[in-house]
Amino acid sequence: MTSIDIATAHNAPAPVPVAVQLLSTLFFGVFGILAVIFAFDASWIAGLIVALVLGWRGGFAPGHWGNTPSIKTLIPLAPKAEKRSSGNASFDAYRTDTLRRLEDEQISFQSFLERLRAAKDKSEFDDFLDQRARRATNSVANVGGAIEAGN
C-alpha cells in the first residue's frame, strides 16, 4: 500500500515553516514602521495612506495572496475525536458519551429553533391576515356609509 502526501491529495499548499512566518512578520514590522515614518516625514497624508495600506495588506507570509486553503480542504485534515484513543478506556467512554449527548442536544436545539421560527412566521402571517381583514371591513364600511350618506 502506498502513502499519499496529504498536501497534494487535497490540493493544499505546503505548510509554511514557523521560522519563515516569524521572520516574515518581523521583517514586515520593521519595514512597515520605517515606511510610515518616512511617509509621515514627507506629508501627513502620505503617512496616513501608507499606514492604512500596510495595515490592510497584512504581512509578507506566503499564502496571503489568494491561494490560502479553503475550509473544504482543511476539514478532512482535522483529526476525528472519536477515532483517537487517549489510552484510558474510561476517559474514551466518557468522551464518546459526551460527544453523543452534545450531538443530541444540538439536534434538539436545531429542531427547537425551527419550531420557534415557524411559530414566529405563523404569528406574523396571522397578524397580516387580521390587518388585511380589518382594512377590508373598514373599506366596506366606508363605502356603505358613503352610499347611505348619498341617499
Protein backbone atom coordinates (compact mmCIF):
# COMPACT_ATOMS: atom_id res chain seq x y z
CA MET A 1 0.00 0.00 0.00
CA THR A 2 1.43 3.40 -0.94
CA SER A 3 1.09 6.54 1.10
CA ILE A 4 -0.30 9.73 -0.40
CA ASP A 5 1.06 13.13 0.54
CA ILE A 6 -1.77 14.98 2.29
CA ALA A 7 -0.84 18.37 0.84
CA THR A 8 -1.01 17.10 -2.76
CA ALA A 9 -4.03 14.88 -2.14
CA HIS A 10 -6.18 17.85 -1.16
CA ASN A 11 -4.56 20.41 -3.49
CA ALA A 12 -3.48 22.38 -0.44
CA PRO A 13 -0.28 24.41 -0.49
CA ALA A 14 2.63 23.06 1.51
CA PRO A 15 2.64 24.41 5.07
CA VAL A 16 4.94 27.36 5.74
CA PRO A 17 7.53 26.69 8.45
CA VAL A 18 7.05 28.63 11.67
CA ALA A 19 10.53 30.17 11.40
CA VAL A 20 9.65 31.64 7.99
CA GLN A 21 6.40 33.02 9.35
CA LEU A 22 8.15 34.64 12.32
CA LEU A 23 10.93 36.16 10.20
CA SER A 24 8.50 37.46 7.62
CA THR A 25 6.35 39.05 10.34
CA LEU A 26 9.42 40.64 11.93
CA PHE A 27 10.71 41.99 8.62
CA PHE A 28 7.27 43.30 7.70
CA GLY A 29 7.01 45.09 11.05
CA VAL A 30 10.38 46.79 10.63
CA PHE A 31 9.63 47.70 7.01
CA GLY A 32 6.17 48.99 7.90
CA ILE A 33 7.41 51.19 10.74
CA LEU A 34 10.19 52.68 8.60
CA ALA A 35 7.87 53.21 5.64
CA VAL A 36 5.30 55.01 7.79
CA ILE A 37 7.97 57.18 9.44
CA PHE A 38 9.42 58.26 6.08
CA ALA A 39 5.95 58.84 4.62
CA PHE A 40 4.90 60.99 7.61
CA ASP A 41 8.15 62.91 7.20
CA ALA A 42 7.14 63.73 3.63
CA SER A 43 3.49 64.51 4.35
CA TRP A 44 0.90 63.55 6.95
CA ILE A 45 -1.48 62.47 4.19
CA ALA A 46 1.15 60.19 2.65
CA GLY A 47 1.92 58.75 6.10
CA LEU A 48 -1.73 58.04 6.73
CA ILE A 49 -2.17 56.38 3.34
CA VAL A 50 0.94 54.22 3.79
CA ALA A 51 -0.15 53.21 7.30
CA LEU A 52 -3.63 52.26 6.05
CA VAL A 53 -2.29 50.27 3.10
CA LEU A 54 0.25 48.39 5.23
CA GLY A 55 -2.35 47.69 7.89
CA TRP A 56 -4.83 46.43 5.32
CA ARG A 57 -2.24 44.30 3.49
CA GLY A 58 -1.10 42.27 6.46
CA GLY A 59 2.29 40.61 6.14
CA PHE A 60 4.79 39.04 3.80
CA ALA A 61 3.94 35.47 4.78
CA PRO A 62 3.28 33.21 1.80
CA GLY A 63 -0.35 32.31 1.35
CA HIS A 64 -1.65 35.85 1.76
CA TRP A 65 -2.14 36.36 -1.98
CA GLY A 66 -5.37 34.44 -2.51
CA ASN A 67 -4.02 30.88 -2.51
CA THR A 68 -4.96 30.17 1.09
CA PRO A 69 -6.59 26.78 1.59
CA SER A 70 -10.33 26.79 1.82
CA ILE A 71 -12.27 25.27 4.69
CA LYS A 72 -13.19 22.34 2.43
CA THR A 73 -9.53 21.38 2.14
CA LEU A 74 -8.86 21.81 5.86
CA ILE A 75 -11.80 19.81 7.30
CA PRO A 76 -10.59 16.40 6.04
CA LEU A 77 -7.18 17.10 7.61
CA ALA A 78 -8.64 17.60 11.10
CA PRO A 79 -8.45 14.54 13.32
CA LYS A 80 -11.69 13.00 14.47
CA ALA A 81 -12.01 12.91 18.26
CA GLU A 82 -13.83 9.59 18.42
CA LYS A 83 -11.21 7.83 16.29
CA ARG A 84 -8.28 8.73 18.54
CA SER A 85 -7.62 6.83 21.70
CA SER A 86 -6.21 8.51 24.78
CA GLY A 87 -5.05 5.19 26.19
CA ASN A 88 -7.57 5.44 29.04
CA ALA A 89 -10.66 3.34 28.32
CA SER A 90 -12.72 5.10 30.98
CA PHE A 91 -11.97 8.53 29.54
CA ASP A 92 -12.60 7.32 25.99
CA ALA A 93 -16.04 6.03 27.03
CA TYR A 94 -16.82 9.31 28.81
CA ARG A 95 -15.70 11.34 25.78
CA THR A 96 -17.78 9.23 23.39
CA ASP A 97 -20.83 9.53 25.63
CA THR A 98 -20.35 13.31 25.99
CA LEU A 99 -19.94 13.82 22.25
CA ARG A 100 -23.08 11.76 21.56
CA ARG A 101 -25.01 13.76 24.18
CA LEU A 102 -23.80 17.06 22.68
CA GLU A 103 -24.86 15.94 19.20
CA ASP A 104 -28.32 15.01 20.57
CA GLU A 105 -28.59 18.41 22.27
CA GLN A 106 -27.56 20.14 19.05
CA ILE A 107 -30.22 18.28 17.09
CA SER A 108 -32.92 19.08 19.67
CA PHE A 109 -31.84 22.74 19.78
CA GLN A 110 -31.99 22.98 15.98
CA SER A 111 -35.48 21.49 15.98
CA PHE A 112 -36.48 23.97 18.73
CA LEU A 113 -35.18 26.85 16.57
CA GLU A 114 -37.14 25.54 13.58
CA ARG A 115 -40.34 25.35 15.67
CA LEU A 116 -39.67 28.84 17.04
CA ARG A 117 -39.18 30.25 13.53
CA ALA A 118 -42.35 28.50 12.32
CA ALA A 119 -44.34 29.90 15.25
CA LYS A 120 -43.00 33.39 14.60
CA ASP A 121 -43.79 33.12 10.88
CA LYS A 122 -47.31 31.87 11.69
CA SER A 123 -47.85 34.72 14.15
CA GLU A 124 -46.65 37.32 11.64
CA PHE A 125 -48.81 35.80 8.90
CA ASP A 126 -51.87 35.74 11.19
CA ASP A 127 -51.26 39.40 12.08
CA PHE A 128 -51.03 40.23 8.38
CA LEU A 129 -54.31 38.45 7.65
CA ASP A 130 -56.02 40.21 10.59
CA GLN A 131 -54.83 43.61 9.37
CA ARG A 132 -55.97 42.80 5.85
CA ALA A 133 -59.38 41.71 7.11
CA ARG A 134 -59.70 44.92 9.19
CA ARG A 135 -58.79 47.04 6.16
CA ALA A 136 -61.31 45.18 4.03
CA THR A 137 -64.00 45.61 6.72
CA ASN A 138 -63.19 49.30 7.11
CA SER A 139 -63.26 49.93 3.37
CA VAL A 140 -66.60 48.12 3.04
CA ALA A 141 -67.97 50.15 5.98
CA ASN A 142 -66.69 53.38 4.44
CA VAL A 143 -68.23 52.54 1.08
CA GLY A 144 -71.52 51.55 2.76
CA GLY A 145 -71.51 54.77 4.83
CA ALA A 146 -70.87 56.83 1.71
CA ILE A 147 -73.73 55.14 -0.11
CA GLU A 148 -76.11 55.75 2.82
CA ALA A 149 -74.98 59.36 3.09
CA GLY A 150 -75.62 59.81 -0.60
CA ASN A 151 -79.26 58.63 -0.31
